[in-house]
Amino acid sequence: MTLERLVAQAQFLDSAQLEMLGEMAEALQQPCDVRVDPFSDLVNGAFSDYFLNRLKIHHATSEEKFKKASFEYAFIAAARYAGVYASKTKSQTFQGADAAVDGVRWSLKTEASAKISKTTIVVSKFSEARWIRDCETPSDFVRECVPRFLSHLDEYDRIATLRAFSVGRELVRYELIEIPKSLLMCVANLTEWDFTPRTRNGGSSALVRDSGGIAFKLVLDGSVEKVTLSRLPVQHCQSHASWTVSTIPETEE
């Protein structure tokens, strides 16, 4: 898109469309704090620039933080802008990889709760788990959970989460964090003695350990039949980049 073509196209927009285009143009010019890990093999200058502008345009008209679908499309588009082949998985219900970048399968997550921690990560929906309903004892949970969890990990090569923090009323800081698969693979070490007895909602939980102690907590949520991960240390993950962008102020109640 050239400036001349943009001006030509703008002549056919109505007043409301021009107003929105102006809001986006103003947002794109706002200064932002950007940090990119120089050792990142994912985020380079081109990826960062494109992803940042997607965030700016989004927040020019919305106070809502990026959700999973928005993250997926921005991630793929930024990778393409950076000059690599990237595509989305075909099935919207596929539980494994969400995107492929130069043949590397990525699982993409988001975290944006009001109580988000700076030091630990929560993956609220690691995977669906209808099988939880059939488990009664810790022995059942370990028998069903461990092979299914490891099989799920086999469906992708790397996992990243986009974490969103409110900074005052008019800024949002996004952090692109990669969770090592090797850390999640520690689930293979679980035994029935690690799982709690079945709860009233039909679930259980276990503390997953690595050589250094507790690595994270695995929760089998029986009420909504999903696997959740919590207490994942940020210090054990790679921070590829962060972007702090302006947003429209939250609406007063």
C-alpha atoms as a PDB file:
ATOM      1  CA  MET A   1       0.000   0.000   0.000  1.00  0.00           C
ATOM      2  CA  THR A   2       1.511   3.326  -1.102  1.00  0.00           C
ATOM      3  CA  LEU A   3       0.586   6.755   0.224  1.00  0.00           C
ATOM      4  CA  GLU A   4      -0.906   7.667  -3.149  1.00  0.00           C
ATOM      5  CA  ARG A   5      -3.103   4.577  -3.178  1.00  0.00           C
ATOM      6  CA  LEU A   6      -4.200   5.222   0.414  1.00  0.00           C
ATOM      7  CA  VAL A   7      -5.225   8.794  -0.439  1.00  0.00           C
ATOM      8  CA  ALA A   8      -7.102   7.555  -3.484  1.00  0.00           C
ATOM      9  CA  GLN A   9      -8.966   4.947  -1.442  1.00  0.00           C
ATOM     10  CA  ALA A  10      -9.799   7.476   1.293  1.00  0.00           C
ATOM     11  CA  GLN A  11     -11.857   9.518  -1.185  1.00  0.00           C
ATOM     12  CA  PHE A  12     -14.462   6.750  -1.241  1.00  0.00           C
ATOM     13  CA  LEU A  13     -14.894   6.522   2.544  1.00  0.00           C
ATOM     14  CA  ASP A  14     -17.851   8.051   4.381  1.00  0.00           C
ATOM     15  CA  SER A  15     -17.444  10.369   7.380  1.00  0.00           C
ATOM     16  CA  ALA A  16     -17.650   7.584   9.964  1.00  0.00           C
ATOM     17  CA  GLN A  17     -15.021   5.561   8.128  1.00  0.00           C
ATOM     18  CA  LEU A  18     -12.730   8.567   7.841  1.00  0.00           C
ATOM     19  CA  GLU A  19     -13.119   9.203  11.571  1.00  0.00           C
ATOM     20  CA  MET A  20     -12.082   5.628  12.323  1.00  0.00           C
ATOM     21  CA  LEU A  21      -9.187   5.809   9.866  1.00  0.00           C
ATOM     22  CA  GLY A  22      -8.029   8.989  11.598  1.00  0.00           C
ATOM     23  CA  GLU A  23      -8.152   7.322  15.017  1.00  0.00           C
ATOM     24  CA  MET A  24      -6.000   4.487  13.718  1.00  0.00           C
ATOM     25  CA  ALA A  25      -3.527   6.858  12.097  1.00  0.00           C
ATOM     26  CA  GLU A  26      -3.171   8.787  15.355  1.00  0.00           C
ATOM     27  CA  ALA A  27      -2.692   5.539  17.295  1.00  0.00           C
ATOM     28  CA  LEU A  28       0.037   4.364  14.936  1.00  0.00           C
ATOM     29  CA  GLN A  29       2.015   7.527  15.682  1.00  0.00           C
ATOM     30  CA  GLN A  30       1.917   7.125  19.467  1.00  0.00           C
ATOM     31  CA  PRO A  31       5.286   6.442  21.132  1.00  0.00           C
ATOM     32  CA  CYS A  32       5.625   2.989  22.672  1.00  0.00           C
ATOM     33  CA  ASP A  33       8.069   1.113  24.850  1.00  0.00           C
ATOM     34  CA  VAL A  34       9.424  -1.886  22.921  1.00  0.00           C
ATOM     35  CA  ARG A  35      11.884  -4.492  24.165  1.00  0.00           C
ATOM     36  CA  VAL A  36      13.132  -7.389  22.029  1.00  0.00           C
ATOM     37  CA  ASP A  37      15.455 -10.136  23.208  1.00  0.00           C
ATOM     38  CA  PRO A  38      18.482  -9.904  20.886  1.00  0.00           C
ATOM     39  CA  PHE A  39      18.867 -13.684  21.190  1.00  0.00           C
ATOM     40  CA  SER A  40      15.282 -14.426  20.142  1.00  0.00           C
ATOM     41  CA  ASP A  41      14.989 -16.734  17.155  1.00  0.00           C
ATOM     42  CA  LEU A  42      11.342 -15.745  16.745  1.00  0.00           C
ATOM     43  CA  VAL A  43      11.061 -11.975  17.117  1.00  0.00           C
ATOM     44  CA  ASN A  44      13.262  -9.709  14.990  1.00  0.00           C
ATOM     45  CA  GLY A  45      12.779  -6.050  14.119  1.00  0.00           C
ATOM     46  CA  ALA A  46      10.269  -6.702  11.342  1.00  0.00           C
ATOM     47  CA  PHE A  47       8.182  -9.110  13.443  1.00  0.00           C
ATOM     48  CA  SER A  48       8.175  -6.665  16.357  1.00  0.00           C
ATOM     49  CA  ASP A  49       7.225  -3.648  14.211  1.00  0.00           C
ATOM     50  CA  TYR A  50       4.299  -5.424  12.588  1.00  0.00           C
ATOM     51  CA  PHE A  51       3.021  -6.973  15.823  1.00  0.00           C
ATOM     52  CA  LEU A  52       3.285  -3.616  17.602  1.00  0.00           C
ATOM     53  CA  ASN A  53       1.229  -1.894  14.902  1.00  0.00           C
ATOM     54  CA  ARG A  54      -1.450  -4.602  15.171  1.00  0.00           C
ATOM     55  CA  LEU A  55      -1.646  -3.863  18.885  1.00  0.00           C
ATOM     56  CA  LYS A  56      -1.836  -0.109  18.261  1.00  0.00           C
ATOM     57  CA  ILE A  57      -4.679  -0.458  15.743  1.00  0.00           C
ATOM     58  CA  HIS A  58      -6.579  -2.802  18.045  1.00  0.00           C
ATOM     59  CA  HIS A  59      -6.363  -0.432  20.995  1.00  0.00           C
ATOM     60  CA  ALA A  60      -7.219   2.607  18.894  1.00  0.00           C
ATOM     61  CA  THR A  61     -10.845   1.468  19.091  1.00  0.00           C
ATOM     62  CA  SER A  62     -10.951  -1.006  21.981  1.00  0.00           C
ATOM     63  CA  GLU A  63     -10.042  -1.145  25.658  1.00  0.00           C
ATOM     64  CA  GLU A  64     -10.230  -4.950  25.574  1.00  0.00           C
ATOM     65  CA  LYS A  65      -6.951  -6.824  25.646  1.00  0.00           C
ATOM     66  CA  PHE A  66      -5.958  -9.188  22.845  1.00  0.00           C
ATOM     67  CA  LYS A  67      -7.730 -12.536  22.985  1.00  0.00           C
ATOM     68  CA  LYS A  68      -6.483 -15.845  21.614  1.00  0.00           C
ATOM     69  CA  ALA A  69      -7.883 -15.512  18.073  1.00  0.00           C
ATOM     70  CA  SER A  70      -6.520 -11.970  17.685  1.00  0.00           C
ATOM     71  CA  PHE A  71      -3.126 -13.148  18.941  1.00  0.00           C
ATOM     72  CA  GLU A  72      -3.034 -16.064  16.503  1.00  0.00           C
ATOM     73  CA  TYR A  73      -3.705 -13.910  13.441  1.00  0.00           C
ATOM     74  CA  ALA A  74      -1.298 -11.165  14.528  1.00  0.00           C
ATOM     75  CA  PHE A  75       1.414 -13.765  15.268  1.00  0.00           C
ATOM     76  CA  ILE A  76       1.061 -15.311  11.809  1.00  0.00           C
ATOM     77  CA  ALA A  77       0.859 -11.968  10.004  1.00  0.00           C
ATOM     78  CA  ALA A  78       3.947 -10.665  11.848  1.00  0.00           C
ATOM     79  CA  ALA A  79       5.919 -13.793  10.943  1.00  0.00           C
ATOM     80  CA  ARG A  80       4.948 -13.377   7.282  1.00  0.00           C
ATOM     81  CA  TYR A  81       5.949  -9.714   7.371  1.00  0.00           C
ATOM     82  CA  ALA A  82       9.313 -10.827   8.774  1.00  0.00           C
ATOM     83  CA  GLY A  83       9.795 -12.882   5.628  1.00  0.00           C
ATOM     84  CA  VAL A  84       9.057 -16.443   6.747  1.00  0.00           C
ATOM     85  CA  TYR A  85       6.306 -18.840   5.741  1.00  0.00           C
ATOM     86  CA  ALA A  86       3.539 -18.978   8.337  1.00  0.00           C
ATOM     87  CA  SER A  87       0.044 -20.436   8.351  1.00  0.00           C
ATOM     88  CA  LYS A  88      -2.825 -21.194  10.701  1.00  0.00           C
ATOM     89  CA  THR A  89      -4.002 -24.718  11.357  1.00  0.00           C
ATOM     90  CA  LYS A  90      -7.082 -25.555   9.316  1.00  0.00           C
ATOM     91  CA  SER A  91      -9.335 -26.868  12.080  1.00  0.00           C
ATOM     92  CA  GLN A  92     -10.733 -24.317  14.536  1.00  0.00           C
ATOM     93  CA  THR A  93     -11.256 -27.101  17.083  1.00  0.00           C
ATOM     94  CA  PHE A  94      -7.798 -28.669  16.763  1.00  0.00           C
ATOM     95  CA  GLN A  95      -6.294 -28.859  20.248  1.00  0.00           C
ATOM     96  CA  GLY A  96      -2.642 -28.966  19.249  1.00  0.00           C
ATOM     97  CA  ALA A  97      -0.741 -26.490  17.106  1.00  0.00           C
ATOM     98  CA  ASP A  98      -2.374 -23.139  16.327  1.00  0.00           C
ATOM     99  CA  ALA A  99       0.218 -21.925  13.824  1.00  0.00           C
ATOM    100  CA  ALA A 100       3.180 -23.169  11.814  1.00  0.00           C
ATOM    101  CA  VAL A 101       6.165 -20.876  11.203  1.00  0.00           C
ATOM    102  CA  ASP A 102       8.799 -22.212   8.802  1.00  0.00           C
ATOM    103  CA  GLY A 103       7.602 -25.714   9.603  1.00  0.00           C
ATOM    104  CA  VAL A 104       7.737 -25.225  13.379  1.00  0.00           C
ATOM    105  CA  ARG A 105       4.398 -25.943  15.058  1.00  0.00           C
ATOM    106  CA  TRP A 106       3.382 -23.405  17.700  1.00  0.00           C
ATOM    107  CA  SER A 107       0.731 -23.657  20.400  1.00  0.00           C
ATOM    108  CA  LEU A 108      -0.452 -20.145  21.282  1.00  0.00           C
ATOM    109  CA  LYS A 109      -2.067 -19.051  24.551  1.00  0.00           C
ATOM    110  CA  THR A 110      -3.095 -15.761  26.152  1.00  0.00           C
ATOM    111  CA  GLU A 111      -3.325 -14.521  29.733  1.00  0.00           C
ATOM    112  CA  ALA A 112      -4.958 -11.243  30.719  1.00  0.00           C
ATOM    113  CA  SER A 113      -6.726 -11.638  34.062  1.00  0.00           C
ATOM    114  CA  ALA A 114      -7.005  -8.727  36.472  1.00  0.00           C
ATOM    115  CA  LYS A 115      -4.880 -10.670  38.983  1.00  0.00           C
ATOM    116  CA  ILE A 116      -2.151 -11.667  36.524  1.00  0.00           C
ATOM    117  CA  SER A 117       1.178 -12.317  38.257  1.00  0.00           C
ATOM    118  CA  LYS A 118       4.477 -10.835  37.139  1.00  0.00           C
ATOM    119  CA  THR A 119       6.407 -13.892  38.307  1.00  0.00           C
ATOM    120  CA  THR A 120       4.233 -16.916  37.502  1.00  0.00           C
ATOM    121  CA  ILE A 121       2.202 -17.950  34.451  1.00  0.00           C
ATOM    122  CA  VAL A 122      -1.247 -19.498  34.262  1.00  0.00           C
ATOM    123  CA  VAL A 123      -2.434 -21.441  31.221  1.00  0.00           C
ATOM    124  CA  SER A 124      -6.154 -21.486  31.966  1.00  0.00           C
ATOM    125  CA  LYS A 125      -6.975 -23.960  29.204  1.00  0.00           C
ATOM    126  CA  PHE A 126      -4.046 -26.164  28.330  1.00  0.00           C
ATOM    127  CA  SER A 127      -6.400 -28.717  26.792  1.00  0.00           C
ATOM    128  CA  GLU A 128      -9.922 -30.061  26.958  1.00  0.00           C
ATOM    129  CA  ALA A 129     -10.363 -33.131  29.163  1.00  0.00           C
ATOM    130  CA  ARG A 130     -13.742 -34.837  28.954  1.00  0.00           C
ATOM    131  CA  TRP A 131     -12.053 -37.957  30.285  1.00  0.00           C
ATOM    132  CA  ILE A 132     -11.954 -36.402  33.765  1.00  0.00           C
ATOM    133  CA  ARG A 133     -15.572 -37.466  34.329  1.00  0.00           C
ATOM    134  CA  ASP A 134     -14.526 -41.126  34.201  1.00  0.00           C
ATOM    135  CA  CYS A 135     -11.863 -40.818  36.904  1.00  0.00           C
ATOM    136  CA  GLU A 136     -12.612 -41.715  40.521  1.00  0.00           C
ATOM    137  CA  THR A 137      -9.274 -42.309  42.226  1.00  0.00           C
ATOM    138  CA  PRO A 138      -5.729 -40.863  42.040  1.00  0.00           C
ATOM    139  CA  SER A 139      -4.778 -44.036  40.206  1.00  0.00           C
ATOM    140  CA  ASP A 140      -7.421 -43.261  37.573  1.00  0.00           C
ATOM    141  CA  PHE A 141      -6.200 -39.687  37.221  1.00  0.00           C
ATOM    142  CA  VAL A 142      -2.565 -40.596  36.672  1.00  0.00           C
ATOM    143  CA  ARG A 143      -3.481 -43.395  34.263  1.00  0.00           C
ATOM    144  CA  GLU A 144      -5.598 -41.087  32.099  1.00  0.00           C
ATOM    145  CA  CYS A 145      -3.774 -37.787  32.521  1.00  0.00           C
ATOM    146  CA  VAL A 146      -0.114 -38.568  31.918  1.00  0.00           C
ATOM    147  CA  PRO A 147      -0.327 -40.285  28.496  1.00  0.00           C
ATOM    148  CA  ARG A 148      -2.951 -37.818  27.255  1.00  0.00           C
ATOM    149  CA  PHE A 149      -0.898 -34.840  28.415  1.00  0.00           C
ATOM    150  CA  LEU A 150       2.258 -36.137  26.736  1.00  0.00           C
ATOM    151  CA  SER A 151       0.330 -36.979  23.565  1.00  0.00           C
ATOM    152  CA  HIS A 152      -0.981 -33.411  23.495  1.00  0.00           C
ATOM    153  CA  LEU A 153       2.585 -32.084  23.768  1.00  0.00           C
ATOM    154  CA  ASP A 154       3.542 -34.177  20.740  1.00  0.00           C
ATOM    155  CA  GLU A 155       1.113 -32.184  18.598  1.00  0.00           C
ATOM    156  CA  TYR A 156       3.357 -29.089  18.548  1.00  0.00           C
ATOM    157  CA  ASP A 157       7.014 -28.118  18.848  1.00  0.00           C
ATOM    158  CA  ARG A 158       6.901 -24.897  20.873  1.00  0.00           C
ATOM    159  CA  ILE A 159       4.419 -23.056  23.086  1.00  0.00           C
ATOM    160  CA  ALA A 160       4.084 -19.296  23.593  1.00  0.00           C
ATOM    161  CA  THR A 161       1.748 -17.162  25.634  1.00  0.00           C
ATOM    162  CA  LEU A 162       0.919 -13.474  25.187  1.00  0.00           C
ATOM    163  CA  ARG A 163       0.512 -11.919  28.641  1.00  0.00           C
ATOM    164  CA  ALA A 164      -1.299  -8.581  29.009  1.00  0.00           C
ATOM    165  CA  PHE A 165      -0.864  -6.217  31.976  1.00  0.00           C
ATOM    166  CA  SER A 166      -2.813  -3.029  32.611  1.00  0.00           C
ATOM    167  CA  VAL A 167      -0.470  -0.117  33.338  1.00  0.00           C
ATOM    168  CA  GLY A 168      -2.681   2.577  34.810  1.00  0.00           C
ATOM    169  CA  ARG A 169      -5.856   3.359  32.859  1.00  0.00           C
ATOM    170  CA  GLU A 170      -4.370   4.142  29.462  1.00  0.00           C
ATOM    171  CA  LEU A 171      -1.515   1.687  28.850  1.00  0.00           C
ATOM    172  CA  VAL A 172      -1.291  -2.067  28.293  1.00  0.00           C
ATOM    173  CA  ARG A 173       1.986  -3.999  28.401  1.00  0.00           C
ATOM    174  CA  TYR A 174       2.139  -7.208  26.381  1.00  0.00           C
ATOM    175  CA  GLU A 175       4.812  -9.832  26.978  1.00  0.00           C
ATOM    176  CA  LEU A 176       5.478 -12.662  24.522  1.00  0.00           C
ATOM    177  CA  ILE A 177       6.775 -15.546  26.634  1.00  0.00           C
ATOM    178  CA  GLU A 178       7.835 -19.010  25.486  1.00  0.00           C
ATOM    179  CA  ILE A 179       7.220 -21.880  27.909  1.00  0.00           C
ATOM    180  CA  PRO A 180       9.826 -24.649  27.489  1.00  0.00           C
ATOM    181  CA  LYS A 181       8.331 -27.963  26.449  1.00  0.00           C
ATOM    182  CA  SER A 182      11.008 -29.657  28.532  1.00  0.00           C
ATOM    183  CA  LEU A 183       9.421 -28.116  31.633  1.00  0.00           C
ATOM    184  CA  LEU A 184       5.971 -29.419  30.727  1.00  0.00           C
ATOM    185  CA  MET A 185       7.403 -32.854  29.954  1.00  0.00           C
ATOM    186  CA  CYS A 186       8.028 -33.261  33.699  1.00  0.00           C
ATOM    187  CA  VAL A 187       4.408 -34.427  33.914  1.00  0.00           C
ATOM    188  CA  ALA A 188       5.826 -37.803  32.837  1.00  0.00           C
ATOM    189  CA  ASN A 189       7.232 -38.172  36.363  1.00  0.00           C
ATOM    190  CA  LEU A 190       3.844 -37.999  38.109  1.00  0.00           C
ATOM    191  CA  THR A 191       2.590 -40.958  40.143  1.00  0.00           C
ATOM    192  CA  GLU A 192      -0.757 -41.661  41.749  1.00  0.00           C
ATOM    193  CA  TRP A 193       0.667 -40.373  45.026  1.00  0.00           C
ATOM    194  CA  ASP A 194       1.048 -36.895  43.492  1.00  0.00           C
ATOM    195  CA  PHE A 195      -2.676 -36.511  42.708  1.00  0.00           C
ATOM    196  CA  THR A 196      -5.165 -35.295  45.272  1.00  0.00           C
ATOM    197  CA  PRO A 197      -8.363 -37.268  45.956  1.00  0.00           C
ATOM    198  CA  ARG A 198     -11.307 -36.523  43.666  1.00  0.00           C
ATOM    199  CA  THR A 199     -12.909 -33.191  44.558  1.00  0.00           C
ATOM    200  CA  ARG A 200     -16.607 -32.348  44.755  1.00  0.00           C
ATOM    201  CA  ASN A 201     -16.503 -30.998  41.188  1.00  0.00           C
ATOM    202  CA  GLY A 202     -14.981 -34.269  40.021  1.00  0.00           C
ATOM    203  CA  GLY A 203     -11.415 -33.059  39.527  1.00  0.00           C
ATOM    204  CA  SER A 204      -7.952 -33.385  41.014  1.00  0.00           C
ATOM    205  CA  SER A 205      -4.565 -31.648  41.018  1.00  0.00           C
ATOM    206  CA  ALA A 206      -0.876 -32.477  41.303  1.00  0.00           C
ATOM    207  CA  LEU A 207       2.373 -30.631  41.895  1.00  0.00           C
ATOM    208  CA  VAL A 208       4.781 -31.336  39.041  1.00  0.00           C
ATOM    209  CA  ARG A 209       8.443 -31.471  40.019  1.00  0.00           C
ATOM    210  CA  ASP A 210      11.728 -31.162  38.189  1.00  0.00           C
ATOM    211  CA  SER A 211      15.309 -31.479  39.442  1.00  0.00           C
ATOM    212  CA  GLY A 212      15.011 -28.137  41.223  1.00  0.00           C
ATOM    213  CA  GLY A 213      11.770 -28.831  43.083  1.00  0.00           C
ATOM    214  CA  ILE A 214       8.201 -27.853  42.239  1.00  0.00           C
ATOM    215  CA  ALA A 215       8.024 -26.850  38.550  1.00  0.00           C
ATOM    216  CA  PHE A 216       4.307 -25.999  38.336  1.00  0.00           C
ATOM    217  CA  LYS A 217       0.839 -27.097  39.378  1.00  0.00           C
ATOM    218  CA  LEU A 218      -1.410 -29.193  37.147  1.00  0.00           C
ATOM    219  CA  VAL A 219      -5.146 -28.871  37.766  1.00  0.00           C
ATOM    220  CA  LEU A 220      -7.792 -31.202  36.351  1.00  0.00           C
ATOM    221  CA  ASP A 221     -10.936 -29.079  36.489  1.00  0.00           C
ATOM    222  CA  GLY A 222     -13.931 -31.405  36.626  1.00  0.00           C
ATOM    223  CA  SER A 223     -16.523 -28.622  36.491  1.00  0.00           C
ATOM    224  CA  VAL A 224     -15.572 -27.548  32.958  1.00  0.00           C
ATOM    225  CA  GLU A 225     -13.483 -30.596  31.994  1.00  0.00           C
ATOM    226  CA  LYS A 226     -10.190 -28.949  31.128  1.00  0.00           C
ATOM    227  CA  VAL A 227      -6.539 -29.083  32.136  1.00  0.00           C
ATOM    228  CA  THR A 228      -5.104 -25.911  33.685  1.00  0.00           C
ATOM    229  CA  LEU A 229      -1.470 -25.120  34.449  1.00  0.00           C
ATOM    230  CA  SER A 230      -0.487 -22.624  37.138  1.00  0.00           C
ATOM    231  CA  ARG A 231       2.542 -21.434  39.095  1.00  0.00           C
ATOM    232  CA  LEU A 232       4.794 -21.701  36.031  1.00  0.00           C
ATOM    233  CA  PRO A 233       7.849 -19.553  36.877  1.00  0.00           C
ATOM    234  CA  VAL A 234       8.492 -16.768  34.366  1.00  0.00           C
ATOM    235  CA  GLN A 235      12.198 -17.018  35.164  1.00  0.00           C
ATOM    236  CA  HIS A 236      12.258 -20.520  33.658  1.00  0.00           C
ATOM    237  CA  CYS A 237      10.773 -19.242  30.378  1.00  0.00           C
ATOM    238  CA  GLN A 238      12.105 -17.087  27.537  1.00  0.00           C
ATOM    239  CA  SER A 239      10.809 -13.551  27.111  1.00  0.00           C
ATOM    240  CA  HIS A 240      10.978 -12.908  23.365  1.00  0.00           C
ATOM    241  CA  ALA A 241       9.618  -9.347  23.428  1.00  0.00           C
ATOM    242  CA  SER A 242       7.381  -6.851  25.186  1.00  0.00           C
ATOM    243  CA  TRP A 243       5.315  -3.935  23.874  1.00  0.00           C
ATOM    244  CA  THR A 244       3.618  -1.212  25.931  1.00  0.00           C
ATOM    245  CA  VAL A 245       0.859   0.530  23.981  1.00  0.00           C
ATOM    246  CA  SER A 246      -1.722   3.234  24.582  1.00  0.00           C
ATOM    247  CA  THR A 247      -5.378   2.253  24.793  1.00  0.00           C
ATOM    248  CA  ILE A 248      -8.649   4.120  25.123  1.00  0.00           C
ATOM    249  CA  PRO A 249      -9.505   4.584  28.807  1.00  0.00           C
ATOM    250  CA  GLU A 250     -11.769   1.995  30.397  1.00  0.00           C
ATOM    251  CA  THR A 251     -15.399   3.060  30.571  1.00  0.00           C
ATOM    252  CA  GLU A 252     -16.521   4.227  33.983  1.00  0.00           C
ATOM    253  CA  GLU A 253     -19.379   2.237  35.513  1.00  0.00           C
END
